[in-house]
Amino acid sequence: AAPKDRDIAMVFQNYALYPHMTVA
């Protein structure tokens, strides 16, 4: 199955946050 179809949420080592977006 594709990752989007597995109903999982991943937390990575490097946070993988979008720098131009707010926390919300």
PDBML (XML) file of the C-alpha atoms, coordinates in Angstrom:
<?xml version="1.0" encoding="UTF-8" ?>
<PDBx:datablock datablockName="MODEL"
   xmlns:PDBx="http://pdbml.pdb.org/schema/pdbx-v50.xsd"
   xmlns:xsi="http://www.w3.org/2001/XMLSchema-instance"
   xsi:schemaLocation="http://pdbml.pdb.org/schema/pdbx-v50.xsd pdbx-v50.xsd">
   <PDBx:atom_siteCategory>
      <PDBx:atom_site id="1">
         <PDBx:B_iso_or_equiv>0.00</PDBx:B_iso_or_equiv>
         <PDBx:Cartn_x>0.000</PDBx:Cartn_x>
         <PDBx:Cartn_y>0.000</PDBx:Cartn_y>
         <PDBx:Cartn_z>0.000</PDBx:Cartn_z>
         <PDBx:auth_asym_id>A</PDBx:auth_asym_id>
         <PDBx:auth_atom_id>CA</PDBx:auth_atom_id>
         <PDBx:auth_comp_id>ALA</PDBx:auth_comp_id>
         <PDBx:auth_seq_id>1</PDBx:auth_seq_id>
         <PDBx:group_PDB>ATOM</PDBx:group_PDB>
         <PDBx:label_alt_id xsi:nil="true" />
         <PDBx:label_asym_id>A</PDBx:label_asym_id>
         <PDBx:label_atom_id>CA</PDBx:label_atom_id>
         <PDBx:label_comp_id>ALA</PDBx:label_comp_id>
         <PDBx:label_entity_id>1</PDBx:label_entity_id>
         <PDBx:label_seq_id>1</PDBx:label_seq_id>
         <PDBx:occupancy>1.00</PDBx:occupancy>
         <PDBx:pdbx_PDB_model_num>1</PDBx:pdbx_PDB_model_num>
         <PDBx:type_symbol>C</PDBx:type_symbol>
      </PDBx:atom_site>
      <PDBx:atom_site id="2">
         <PDBx:B_iso_or_equiv>0.00</PDBx:B_iso_or_equiv>
         <PDBx:Cartn_x>1.064</PDBx:Cartn_x>
         <PDBx:Cartn_y>3.607</PDBx:Cartn_y>
         <PDBx:Cartn_z>-0.599</PDBx:Cartn_z>
         <PDBx:auth_asym_id>A</PDBx:auth_asym_id>
         <PDBx:auth_atom_id>CA</PDBx:auth_atom_id>
         <PDBx:auth_comp_id>ALA</PDBx:auth_comp_id>
         <PDBx:auth_seq_id>2</PDBx:auth_seq_id>
         <PDBx:group_PDB>ATOM</PDBx:group_PDB>
         <PDBx:label_alt_id xsi:nil="true" />
         <PDBx:label_asym_id>A</PDBx:label_asym_id>
         <PDBx:label_atom_id>CA</PDBx:label_atom_id>
         <PDBx:label_comp_id>ALA</PDBx:label_comp_id>
         <PDBx:label_entity_id>1</PDBx:label_entity_id>
         <PDBx:label_seq_id>2</PDBx:label_seq_id>
         <PDBx:occupancy>1.00</PDBx:occupancy>
         <PDBx:pdbx_PDB_model_num>1</PDBx:pdbx_PDB_model_num>
         <PDBx:type_symbol>C</PDBx:type_symbol>
      </PDBx:atom_site>
      <PDBx:atom_site id="3">
         <PDBx:B_iso_or_equiv>0.00</PDBx:B_iso_or_equiv>
         <PDBx:Cartn_x>2.239</PDBx:Cartn_x>
         <PDBx:Cartn_y>5.493</PDBx:Cartn_y>
         <PDBx:Cartn_z>2.513</PDBx:Cartn_z>
         <PDBx:auth_asym_id>A</PDBx:auth_asym_id>
         <PDBx:auth_atom_id>CA</PDBx:auth_atom_id>
         <PDBx:auth_comp_id>PRO</PDBx:auth_comp_id>
         <PDBx:auth_seq_id>3</PDBx:auth_seq_id>
         <PDBx:group_PDB>ATOM</PDBx:group_PDB>
         <PDBx:label_alt_id xsi:nil="true" />
         <PDBx:label_asym_id>A</PDBx:label_asym_id>
         <PDBx:label_atom_id>CA</PDBx:label_atom_id>
         <PDBx:label_comp_id>PRO</PDBx:label_comp_id>
         <PDBx:label_entity_id>1</PDBx:label_entity_id>
         <PDBx:label_seq_id>3</PDBx:label_seq_id>
         <PDBx:occupancy>1.00</PDBx:occupancy>
         <PDBx:pdbx_PDB_model_num>1</PDBx:pdbx_PDB_model_num>
         <PDBx:type_symbol>C</PDBx:type_symbol>
      </PDBx:atom_site>
      <PDBx:atom_site id="4">
         <PDBx:B_iso_or_equiv>0.00</PDBx:B_iso_or_equiv>
         <PDBx:Cartn_x>-0.785</PDBx:Cartn_x>
         <PDBx:Cartn_y>7.830</PDBx:Cartn_y>
         <PDBx:Cartn_z>2.387</PDBx:Cartn_z>
         <PDBx:auth_asym_id>A</PDBx:auth_asym_id>
         <PDBx:auth_atom_id>CA</PDBx:auth_atom_id>
         <PDBx:auth_comp_id>LYS</PDBx:auth_comp_id>
         <PDBx:auth_seq_id>4</PDBx:auth_seq_id>
         <PDBx:group_PDB>ATOM</PDBx:group_PDB>
         <PDBx:label_alt_id xsi:nil="true" />
         <PDBx:label_asym_id>A</PDBx:label_asym_id>
         <PDBx:label_atom_id>CA</PDBx:label_atom_id>
         <PDBx:label_comp_id>LYS</PDBx:label_comp_id>
         <PDBx:label_entity_id>1</PDBx:label_entity_id>
         <PDBx:label_seq_id>4</PDBx:label_seq_id>
         <PDBx:occupancy>1.00</PDBx:occupancy>
         <PDBx:pdbx_PDB_model_num>1</PDBx:pdbx_PDB_model_num>
         <PDBx:type_symbol>C</PDBx:type_symbol>
      </PDBx:atom_site>
      <PDBx:atom_site id="5">
         <PDBx:B_iso_or_equiv>0.00</PDBx:B_iso_or_equiv>
         <PDBx:Cartn_x>-3.137</PDBx:Cartn_x>
         <PDBx:Cartn_y>4.832</PDBx:Cartn_y>
         <PDBx:Cartn_z>2.513</PDBx:Cartn_z>
         <PDBx:auth_asym_id>A</PDBx:auth_asym_id>
         <PDBx:auth_atom_id>CA</PDBx:auth_atom_id>
         <PDBx:auth_comp_id>ASP</PDBx:auth_comp_id>
         <PDBx:auth_seq_id>5</PDBx:auth_seq_id>
         <PDBx:group_PDB>ATOM</PDBx:group_PDB>
         <PDBx:label_alt_id xsi:nil="true" />
         <PDBx:label_asym_id>A</PDBx:label_asym_id>
         <PDBx:label_atom_id>CA</PDBx:label_atom_id>
         <PDBx:label_comp_id>ASP</PDBx:label_comp_id>
         <PDBx:label_entity_id>1</PDBx:label_entity_id>
         <PDBx:label_seq_id>5</PDBx:label_seq_id>
         <PDBx:occupancy>1.00</PDBx:occupancy>
         <PDBx:pdbx_PDB_model_num>1</PDBx:pdbx_PDB_model_num>
         <PDBx:type_symbol>C</PDBx:type_symbol>
      </PDBx:atom_site>
      <PDBx:atom_site id="6">
         <PDBx:B_iso_or_equiv>0.00</PDBx:B_iso_or_equiv>
         <PDBx:Cartn_x>-1.659</PDBx:Cartn_x>
         <PDBx:Cartn_y>3.245</PDBx:Cartn_y>
         <PDBx:Cartn_z>5.660</PDBx:Cartn_z>
         <PDBx:auth_asym_id>A</PDBx:auth_asym_id>
         <PDBx:auth_atom_id>CA</PDBx:auth_atom_id>
         <PDBx:auth_comp_id>ARG</PDBx:auth_comp_id>
         <PDBx:auth_seq_id>6</PDBx:auth_seq_id>
         <PDBx:group_PDB>ATOM</PDBx:group_PDB>
         <PDBx:label_alt_id xsi:nil="true" />
         <PDBx:label_asym_id>A</PDBx:label_asym_id>
         <PDBx:label_atom_id>CA</PDBx:label_atom_id>
         <PDBx:label_comp_id>ARG</PDBx:label_comp_id>
         <PDBx:label_entity_id>1</PDBx:label_entity_id>
         <PDBx:label_seq_id>6</PDBx:label_seq_id>
         <PDBx:occupancy>1.00</PDBx:occupancy>
         <PDBx:pdbx_PDB_model_num>1</PDBx:pdbx_PDB_model_num>
         <PDBx:type_symbol>C</PDBx:type_symbol>
      </PDBx:atom_site>
      <PDBx:atom_site id="7">
         <PDBx:B_iso_or_equiv>0.00</PDBx:B_iso_or_equiv>
         <PDBx:Cartn_x>-3.151</PDBx:Cartn_x>
         <PDBx:Cartn_y>5.630</PDBx:Cartn_y>
         <PDBx:Cartn_z>8.241</PDBx:Cartn_z>
         <PDBx:auth_asym_id>A</PDBx:auth_asym_id>
         <PDBx:auth_atom_id>CA</PDBx:auth_atom_id>
         <PDBx:auth_comp_id>ASP</PDBx:auth_comp_id>
         <PDBx:auth_seq_id>7</PDBx:auth_seq_id>
         <PDBx:group_PDB>ATOM</PDBx:group_PDB>
         <PDBx:label_alt_id xsi:nil="true" />
         <PDBx:label_asym_id>A</PDBx:label_asym_id>
         <PDBx:label_atom_id>CA</PDBx:label_atom_id>
         <PDBx:label_comp_id>ASP</PDBx:label_comp_id>
         <PDBx:label_entity_id>1</PDBx:label_entity_id>
         <PDBx:label_seq_id>7</PDBx:label_seq_id>
         <PDBx:occupancy>1.00</PDBx:occupancy>
         <PDBx:pdbx_PDB_model_num>1</PDBx:pdbx_PDB_model_num>
         <PDBx:type_symbol>C</PDBx:type_symbol>
      </PDBx:atom_site>
      <PDBx:atom_site id="8">
         <PDBx:B_iso_or_equiv>0.00</PDBx:B_iso_or_equiv>
         <PDBx:Cartn_x>0.168</PDBx:Cartn_x>
         <PDBx:Cartn_y>6.176</PDBx:Cartn_y>
         <PDBx:Cartn_z>10.002</PDBx:Cartn_z>
         <PDBx:auth_asym_id>A</PDBx:auth_asym_id>
         <PDBx:auth_atom_id>CA</PDBx:auth_atom_id>
         <PDBx:auth_comp_id>ILE</PDBx:auth_comp_id>
         <PDBx:auth_seq_id>8</PDBx:auth_seq_id>
         <PDBx:group_PDB>ATOM</PDBx:group_PDB>
         <PDBx:label_alt_id xsi:nil="true" />
         <PDBx:label_asym_id>A</PDBx:label_asym_id>
         <PDBx:label_atom_id>CA</PDBx:label_atom_id>
         <PDBx:label_comp_id>ILE</PDBx:label_comp_id>
         <PDBx:label_entity_id>1</PDBx:label_entity_id>
         <PDBx:label_seq_id>8</PDBx:label_seq_id>
         <PDBx:occupancy>1.00</PDBx:occupancy>
         <PDBx:pdbx_PDB_model_num>1</PDBx:pdbx_PDB_model_num>
         <PDBx:type_symbol>C</PDBx:type_symbol>
      </PDBx:atom_site>
      <PDBx:atom_site id="9">
         <PDBx:B_iso_or_equiv>0.00</PDBx:B_iso_or_equiv>
         <PDBx:Cartn_x>1.874</PDBx:Cartn_x>
         <PDBx:Cartn_y>9.375</PDBx:Cartn_y>
         <PDBx:Cartn_z>11.169</PDBx:Cartn_z>
         <PDBx:auth_asym_id>A</PDBx:auth_asym_id>
         <PDBx:auth_atom_id>CA</PDBx:auth_atom_id>
         <PDBx:auth_comp_id>ALA</PDBx:auth_comp_id>
         <PDBx:auth_seq_id>9</PDBx:auth_seq_id>
         <PDBx:group_PDB>ATOM</PDBx:group_PDB>
         <PDBx:label_alt_id xsi:nil="true" />
         <PDBx:label_asym_id>A</PDBx:label_asym_id>
         <PDBx:label_atom_id>CA</PDBx:label_atom_id>
         <PDBx:label_comp_id>ALA</PDBx:label_comp_id>
         <PDBx:label_entity_id>1</PDBx:label_entity_id>
         <PDBx:label_seq_id>9</PDBx:label_seq_id>
         <PDBx:occupancy>1.00</PDBx:occupancy>
         <PDBx:pdbx_PDB_model_num>1</PDBx:pdbx_PDB_model_num>
         <PDBx:type_symbol>C</PDBx:type_symbol>
      </PDBx:atom_site>
      <PDBx:atom_site id="10">
         <PDBx:B_iso_or_equiv>0.00</PDBx:B_iso_or_equiv>
         <PDBx:Cartn_x>5.652</PDBx:Cartn_x>
         <PDBx:Cartn_y>9.701</PDBx:Cartn_y>
         <PDBx:Cartn_z>11.085</PDBx:Cartn_z>
         <PDBx:auth_asym_id>A</PDBx:auth_asym_id>
         <PDBx:auth_atom_id>CA</PDBx:auth_atom_id>
         <PDBx:auth_comp_id>MET</PDBx:auth_comp_id>
         <PDBx:auth_seq_id>10</PDBx:auth_seq_id>
         <PDBx:group_PDB>ATOM</PDBx:group_PDB>
         <PDBx:label_alt_id xsi:nil="true" />
         <PDBx:label_asym_id>A</PDBx:label_asym_id>
         <PDBx:label_atom_id>CA</PDBx:label_atom_id>
         <PDBx:label_comp_id>MET</PDBx:label_comp_id>
         <PDBx:label_entity_id>1</PDBx:label_entity_id>
         <PDBx:label_seq_id>10</PDBx:label_seq_id>
         <PDBx:occupancy>1.00</PDBx:occupancy>
         <PDBx:pdbx_PDB_model_num>1</PDBx:pdbx_PDB_model_num>
         <PDBx:type_symbol>C</PDBx:type_symbol>
      </PDBx:atom_site>
      <PDBx:atom_site id="11">
         <PDBx:B_iso_or_equiv>0.00</PDBx:B_iso_or_equiv>
         <PDBx:Cartn_x>7.835</PDBx:Cartn_x>
         <PDBx:Cartn_y>11.757</PDBx:Cartn_y>
         <PDBx:Cartn_z>13.421</PDBx:Cartn_z>
         <PDBx:auth_asym_id>A</PDBx:auth_asym_id>
         <PDBx:auth_atom_id>CA</PDBx:auth_atom_id>
         <PDBx:auth_comp_id>VAL</PDBx:auth_comp_id>
         <PDBx:auth_seq_id>11</PDBx:auth_seq_id>
         <PDBx:group_PDB>ATOM</PDBx:group_PDB>
         <PDBx:label_alt_id xsi:nil="true" />
         <PDBx:label_asym_id>A</PDBx:label_asym_id>
         <PDBx:label_atom_id>CA</PDBx:label_atom_id>
         <PDBx:label_comp_id>VAL</PDBx:label_comp_id>
         <PDBx:label_entity_id>1</PDBx:label_entity_id>
         <PDBx:label_seq_id>11</PDBx:label_seq_id>
         <PDBx:occupancy>1.00</PDBx:occupancy>
         <PDBx:pdbx_PDB_model_num>1</PDBx:pdbx_PDB_model_num>
         <PDBx:type_symbol>C</PDBx:type_symbol>
      </PDBx:atom_site>
      <PDBx:atom_site id="12">
         <PDBx:B_iso_or_equiv>0.00</PDBx:B_iso_or_equiv>
         <PDBx:Cartn_x>11.338</PDBx:Cartn_x>
         <PDBx:Cartn_y>12.225</PDBx:Cartn_y>
         <PDBx:Cartn_z>12.001</PDBx:Cartn_z>
         <PDBx:auth_asym_id>A</PDBx:auth_asym_id>
         <PDBx:auth_atom_id>CA</PDBx:auth_atom_id>
         <PDBx:auth_comp_id>PHE</PDBx:auth_comp_id>
         <PDBx:auth_seq_id>12</PDBx:auth_seq_id>
         <PDBx:group_PDB>ATOM</PDBx:group_PDB>
         <PDBx:label_alt_id xsi:nil="true" />
         <PDBx:label_asym_id>A</PDBx:label_asym_id>
         <PDBx:label_atom_id>CA</PDBx:label_atom_id>
         <PDBx:label_comp_id>PHE</PDBx:label_comp_id>
         <PDBx:label_entity_id>1</PDBx:label_entity_id>
         <PDBx:label_seq_id>12</PDBx:label_seq_id>
         <PDBx:occupancy>1.00</PDBx:occupancy>
         <PDBx:pdbx_PDB_model_num>1</PDBx:pdbx_PDB_model_num>
         <PDBx:type_symbol>C</PDBx:type_symbol>
      </PDBx:atom_site>
      <PDBx:atom_site id="13">
         <PDBx:B_iso_or_equiv>0.00</PDBx:B_iso_or_equiv>
         <PDBx:Cartn_x>14.719</PDBx:Cartn_x>
         <PDBx:Cartn_y>12.885</PDBx:Cartn_y>
         <PDBx:Cartn_z>13.548</PDBx:Cartn_z>
         <PDBx:auth_asym_id>A</PDBx:auth_asym_id>
         <PDBx:auth_atom_id>CA</PDBx:auth_atom_id>
         <PDBx:auth_comp_id>GLN</PDBx:auth_comp_id>
         <PDBx:auth_seq_id>13</PDBx:auth_seq_id>
         <PDBx:group_PDB>ATOM</PDBx:group_PDB>
         <PDBx:label_alt_id xsi:nil="true" />
         <PDBx:label_asym_id>A</PDBx:label_asym_id>
         <PDBx:label_atom_id>CA</PDBx:label_atom_id>
         <PDBx:label_comp_id>GLN</PDBx:label_comp_id>
         <PDBx:label_entity_id>1</PDBx:label_entity_id>
         <PDBx:label_seq_id>13</PDBx:label_seq_id>
         <PDBx:occupancy>1.00</PDBx:occupancy>
         <PDBx:pdbx_PDB_model_num>1</PDBx:pdbx_PDB_model_num>
         <PDBx:type_symbol>C</PDBx:type_symbol>
      </PDBx:atom_site>
      <PDBx:atom_site id="14">
         <PDBx:B_iso_or_equiv>0.00</PDBx:B_iso_or_equiv>
         <PDBx:Cartn_x>15.072</PDBx:Cartn_x>
         <PDBx:Cartn_y>16.307</PDBx:Cartn_y>
         <PDBx:Cartn_z>11.862</PDBx:Cartn_z>
         <PDBx:auth_asym_id>A</PDBx:auth_asym_id>
         <PDBx:auth_atom_id>CA</PDBx:auth_atom_id>
         <PDBx:auth_comp_id>ASN</PDBx:auth_comp_id>
         <PDBx:auth_seq_id>14</PDBx:auth_seq_id>
         <PDBx:group_PDB>ATOM</PDBx:group_PDB>
         <PDBx:label_alt_id xsi:nil="true" />
         <PDBx:label_asym_id>A</PDBx:label_asym_id>
         <PDBx:label_atom_id>CA</PDBx:label_atom_id>
         <PDBx:label_comp_id>ASN</PDBx:label_comp_id>
         <PDBx:label_entity_id>1</PDBx:label_entity_id>
         <PDBx:label_seq_id>14</PDBx:label_seq_id>
         <PDBx:occupancy>1.00</PDBx:occupancy>
         <PDBx:pdbx_PDB_model_num>1</PDBx:pdbx_PDB_model_num>
         <PDBx:type_symbol>C</PDBx:type_symbol>
      </PDBx:atom_site>
      <PDBx:atom_site id="15">
         <PDBx:B_iso_or_equiv>0.00</PDBx:B_iso_or_equiv>
         <PDBx:Cartn_x>11.526</PDBx:Cartn_x>
         <PDBx:Cartn_y>17.517</PDBx:Cartn_y>
         <PDBx:Cartn_z>12.682</PDBx:Cartn_z>
         <PDBx:auth_asym_id>A</PDBx:auth_asym_id>
         <PDBx:auth_atom_id>CA</PDBx:auth_atom_id>
         <PDBx:auth_comp_id>TYR</PDBx:auth_comp_id>
         <PDBx:auth_seq_id>15</PDBx:auth_seq_id>
         <PDBx:group_PDB>ATOM</PDBx:group_PDB>
         <PDBx:label_alt_id xsi:nil="true" />
         <PDBx:label_asym_id>A</PDBx:label_asym_id>
         <PDBx:label_atom_id>CA</PDBx:label_atom_id>
         <PDBx:label_comp_id>TYR</PDBx:label_comp_id>
         <PDBx:label_entity_id>1</PDBx:label_entity_id>
         <PDBx:label_seq_id>15</PDBx:label_seq_id>
         <PDBx:occupancy>1.00</PDBx:occupancy>
         <PDBx:pdbx_PDB_model_num>1</PDBx:pdbx_PDB_model_num>
         <PDBx:type_symbol>C</PDBx:type_symbol>
      </PDBx:atom_site>
      <PDBx:atom_site id="16">
         <PDBx:B_iso_or_equiv>0.00</PDBx:B_iso_or_equiv>
         <PDBx:Cartn_x>10.757</PDBx:Cartn_x>
         <PDBx:Cartn_y>18.157</PDBx:Cartn_y>
         <PDBx:Cartn_z>8.952</PDBx:Cartn_z>
         <PDBx:auth_asym_id>A</PDBx:auth_asym_id>
         <PDBx:auth_atom_id>CA</PDBx:auth_atom_id>
         <PDBx:auth_comp_id>ALA</PDBx:auth_comp_id>
         <PDBx:auth_seq_id>16</PDBx:auth_seq_id>
         <PDBx:group_PDB>ATOM</PDBx:group_PDB>
         <PDBx:label_alt_id xsi:nil="true" />
         <PDBx:label_asym_id>A</PDBx:label_asym_id>
         <PDBx:label_atom_id>CA</PDBx:label_atom_id>
         <PDBx:label_comp_id>ALA</PDBx:label_comp_id>
         <PDBx:label_entity_id>1</PDBx:label_entity_id>
         <PDBx:label_seq_id>16</PDBx:label_seq_id>
         <PDBx:occupancy>1.00</PDBx:occupancy>
         <PDBx:pdbx_PDB_model_num>1</PDBx:pdbx_PDB_model_num>
         <PDBx:type_symbol>C</PDBx:type_symbol>
      </PDBx:atom_site>
      <PDBx:atom_site id="17">
         <PDBx:B_iso_or_equiv>0.00</PDBx:B_iso_or_equiv>
         <PDBx:Cartn_x>8.914</PDBx:Cartn_x>
         <PDBx:Cartn_y>21.420</PDBx:Cartn_y>
         <PDBx:Cartn_z>9.651</PDBx:Cartn_z>
         <PDBx:auth_asym_id>A</PDBx:auth_asym_id>
         <PDBx:auth_atom_id>CA</PDBx:auth_atom_id>
         <PDBx:auth_comp_id>LEU</PDBx:auth_comp_id>
         <PDBx:auth_seq_id>17</PDBx:auth_seq_id>
         <PDBx:group_PDB>ATOM</PDBx:group_PDB>
         <PDBx:label_alt_id xsi:nil="true" />
         <PDBx:label_asym_id>A</PDBx:label_asym_id>
         <PDBx:label_atom_id>CA</PDBx:label_atom_id>
         <PDBx:label_comp_id>LEU</PDBx:label_comp_id>
         <PDBx:label_entity_id>1</PDBx:label_entity_id>
         <PDBx:label_seq_id>17</PDBx:label_seq_id>
         <PDBx:occupancy>1.00</PDBx:occupancy>
         <PDBx:pdbx_PDB_model_num>1</PDBx:pdbx_PDB_model_num>
         <PDBx:type_symbol>C</PDBx:type_symbol>
      </PDBx:atom_site>
      <PDBx:atom_site id="18">
         <PDBx:B_iso_or_equiv>0.00</PDBx:B_iso_or_equiv>
         <PDBx:Cartn_x>8.172</PDBx:Cartn_x>
         <PDBx:Cartn_y>24.024</PDBx:Cartn_y>
         <PDBx:Cartn_z>6.976</PDBx:Cartn_z>
         <PDBx:auth_asym_id>A</PDBx:auth_asym_id>
         <PDBx:auth_atom_id>CA</PDBx:auth_atom_id>
         <PDBx:auth_comp_id>TYR</PDBx:auth_comp_id>
         <PDBx:auth_seq_id>18</PDBx:auth_seq_id>
         <PDBx:group_PDB>ATOM</PDBx:group_PDB>
         <PDBx:label_alt_id xsi:nil="true" />
         <PDBx:label_asym_id>A</PDBx:label_asym_id>
         <PDBx:label_atom_id>CA</PDBx:label_atom_id>
         <PDBx:label_comp_id>TYR</PDBx:label_comp_id>
         <PDBx:label_entity_id>1</PDBx:label_entity_id>
         <PDBx:label_seq_id>18</PDBx:label_seq_id>
         <PDBx:occupancy>1.00</PDBx:occupancy>
         <PDBx:pdbx_PDB_model_num>1</PDBx:pdbx_PDB_model_num>
         <PDBx:type_symbol>C</PDBx:type_symbol>
      </PDBx:atom_site>
      <PDBx:atom_site id="19">
         <PDBx:B_iso_or_equiv>0.00</PDBx:B_iso_or_equiv>
         <PDBx:Cartn_x>10.258</PDBx:Cartn_x>
         <PDBx:Cartn_y>27.096</PDBx:Cartn_y>
         <PDBx:Cartn_z>7.961</PDBx:Cartn_z>
         <PDBx:auth_asym_id>A</PDBx:auth_asym_id>
         <PDBx:auth_atom_id>CA</PDBx:auth_atom_id>
         <PDBx:auth_comp_id>PRO</PDBx:auth_comp_id>
         <PDBx:auth_seq_id>19</PDBx:auth_seq_id>
         <PDBx:group_PDB>ATOM</PDBx:group_PDB>
         <PDBx:label_alt_id xsi:nil="true" />
         <PDBx:label_asym_id>A</PDBx:label_asym_id>
         <PDBx:label_atom_id>CA</PDBx:label_atom_id>
         <PDBx:label_comp_id>PRO</PDBx:label_comp_id>
         <PDBx:label_entity_id>1</PDBx:label_entity_id>
         <PDBx:label_seq_id>19</PDBx:label_seq_id>
         <PDBx:occupancy>1.00</PDBx:occupancy>
         <PDBx:pdbx_PDB_model_num>1</PDBx:pdbx_PDB_model_num>
         <PDBx:type_symbol>C</PDBx:type_symbol>
      </PDBx:atom_site>
      <PDBx:atom_site id="20">
         <PDBx:B_iso_or_equiv>0.00</PDBx:B_iso_or_equiv>
         <PDBx:Cartn_x>7.946</PDBx:Cartn_x>
         <PDBx:Cartn_y>29.620</PDBx:Cartn_y>
         <PDBx:Cartn_z>6.251</PDBx:Cartn_z>
         <PDBx:auth_asym_id>A</PDBx:auth_asym_id>
         <PDBx:auth_atom_id>CA</PDBx:auth_atom_id>
         <PDBx:auth_comp_id>HIS</PDBx:auth_comp_id>
         <PDBx:auth_seq_id>20</PDBx:auth_seq_id>
         <PDBx:group_PDB>ATOM</PDBx:group_PDB>
         <PDBx:label_alt_id xsi:nil="true" />
         <PDBx:label_asym_id>A</PDBx:label_asym_id>
         <PDBx:label_atom_id>CA</PDBx:label_atom_id>
         <PDBx:label_comp_id>HIS</PDBx:label_comp_id>
         <PDBx:label_entity_id>1</PDBx:label_entity_id>
         <PDBx:label_seq_id>20</PDBx:label_seq_id>
         <PDBx:occupancy>1.00</PDBx:occupancy>
         <PDBx:pdbx_PDB_model_num>1</PDBx:pdbx_PDB_model_num>
         <PDBx:type_symbol>C</PDBx:type_symbol>
      </PDBx:atom_site>
      <PDBx:atom_site id="21">
         <PDBx:B_iso_or_equiv>0.00</PDBx:B_iso_or_equiv>
         <PDBx:Cartn_x>4.814</PDBx:Cartn_x>
         <PDBx:Cartn_y>28.367</PDBx:Cartn_y>
         <PDBx:Cartn_z>8.053</PDBx:Cartn_z>
         <PDBx:auth_asym_id>A</PDBx:auth_asym_id>
         <PDBx:auth_atom_id>CA</PDBx:auth_atom_id>
         <PDBx:auth_comp_id>MET</PDBx:auth_comp_id>
         <PDBx:auth_seq_id>21</PDBx:auth_seq_id>
         <PDBx:group_PDB>ATOM</PDBx:group_PDB>
         <PDBx:label_alt_id xsi:nil="true" />
         <PDBx:label_asym_id>A</PDBx:label_asym_id>
         <PDBx:label_atom_id>CA</PDBx:label_atom_id>
         <PDBx:label_comp_id>MET</PDBx:label_comp_id>
         <PDBx:label_entity_id>1</PDBx:label_entity_id>
         <PDBx:label_seq_id>21</PDBx:label_seq_id>
         <PDBx:occupancy>1.00</PDBx:occupancy>
         <PDBx:pdbx_PDB_model_num>1</PDBx:pdbx_PDB_model_num>
         <PDBx:type_symbol>C</PDBx:type_symbol>
      </PDBx:atom_site>
      <PDBx:atom_site id="22">
         <PDBx:B_iso_or_equiv>0.00</PDBx:B_iso_or_equiv>
         <PDBx:Cartn_x>3.641</PDBx:Cartn_x>
         <PDBx:Cartn_y>29.125</PDBx:Cartn_y>
         <PDBx:Cartn_z>11.584</PDBx:Cartn_z>
         <PDBx:auth_asym_id>A</PDBx:auth_asym_id>
         <PDBx:auth_atom_id>CA</PDBx:auth_atom_id>
         <PDBx:auth_comp_id>THR</PDBx:auth_comp_id>
         <PDBx:auth_seq_id>22</PDBx:auth_seq_id>
         <PDBx:group_PDB>ATOM</PDBx:group_PDB>
         <PDBx:label_alt_id xsi:nil="true" />
         <PDBx:label_asym_id>A</PDBx:label_asym_id>
         <PDBx:label_atom_id>CA</PDBx:label_atom_id>
         <PDBx:label_comp_id>THR</PDBx:label_comp_id>
         <PDBx:label_entity_id>1</PDBx:label_entity_id>
         <PDBx:label_seq_id>22</PDBx:label_seq_id>
         <PDBx:occupancy>1.00</PDBx:occupancy>
         <PDBx:pdbx_PDB_model_num>1</PDBx:pdbx_PDB_model_num>
         <PDBx:type_symbol>C</PDBx:type_symbol>
      </PDBx:atom_site>
      <PDBx:atom_site id="23">
         <PDBx:B_iso_or_equiv>0.00</PDBx:B_iso_or_equiv>
         <PDBx:Cartn_x>3.383</PDBx:Cartn_x>
         <PDBx:Cartn_y>26.375</PDBx:Cartn_y>
         <PDBx:Cartn_z>14.185</PDBx:Cartn_z>
         <PDBx:auth_asym_id>A</PDBx:auth_asym_id>
         <PDBx:auth_atom_id>CA</PDBx:auth_atom_id>
         <PDBx:auth_comp_id>VAL</PDBx:auth_comp_id>
         <PDBx:auth_seq_id>23</PDBx:auth_seq_id>
         <PDBx:group_PDB>ATOM</PDBx:group_PDB>
         <PDBx:label_alt_id xsi:nil="true" />
         <PDBx:label_asym_id>A</PDBx:label_asym_id>
         <PDBx:label_atom_id>CA</PDBx:label_atom_id>
         <PDBx:label_comp_id>VAL</PDBx:label_comp_id>
         <PDBx:label_entity_id>1</PDBx:label_entity_id>
         <PDBx:label_seq_id>23</PDBx:label_seq_id>
         <PDBx:occupancy>1.00</PDBx:occupancy>
         <PDBx:pdbx_PDB_model_num>1</PDBx:pdbx_PDB_model_num>
         <PDBx:type_symbol>C</PDBx:type_symbol>
      </PDBx:atom_site>
      <PDBx:atom_site id="24">
         <PDBx:B_iso_or_equiv>0.00</PDBx:B_iso_or_equiv>
         <PDBx:Cartn_x>-0.385</PDBx:Cartn_x>
         <PDBx:Cartn_y>26.210</PDBx:Cartn_y>
         <PDBx:Cartn_z>13.648</PDBx:Cartn_z>
         <PDBx:auth_asym_id>A</PDBx:auth_asym_id>
         <PDBx:auth_atom_id>CA</PDBx:auth_atom_id>
         <PDBx:auth_comp_id>ALA</PDBx:auth_comp_id>
         <PDBx:auth_seq_id>24</PDBx:auth_seq_id>
         <PDBx:group_PDB>ATOM</PDBx:group_PDB>
         <PDBx:label_alt_id xsi:nil="true" />
         <PDBx:label_asym_id>A</PDBx:label_asym_id>
         <PDBx:label_atom_id>CA</PDBx:label_atom_id>
         <PDBx:label_comp_id>ALA</PDBx:label_comp_id>
         <PDBx:label_entity_id>1</PDBx:label_entity_id>
         <PDBx:label_seq_id>24</PDBx:label_seq_id>
         <PDBx:occupancy>1.00</PDBx:occupancy>
         <PDBx:pdbx_PDB_model_num>1</PDBx:pdbx_PDB_model_num>
         <PDBx:type_symbol>C</PDBx:type_symbol>
      </PDBx:atom_site>
   </PDBx:atom_siteCategory>
</PDBx:datablock>
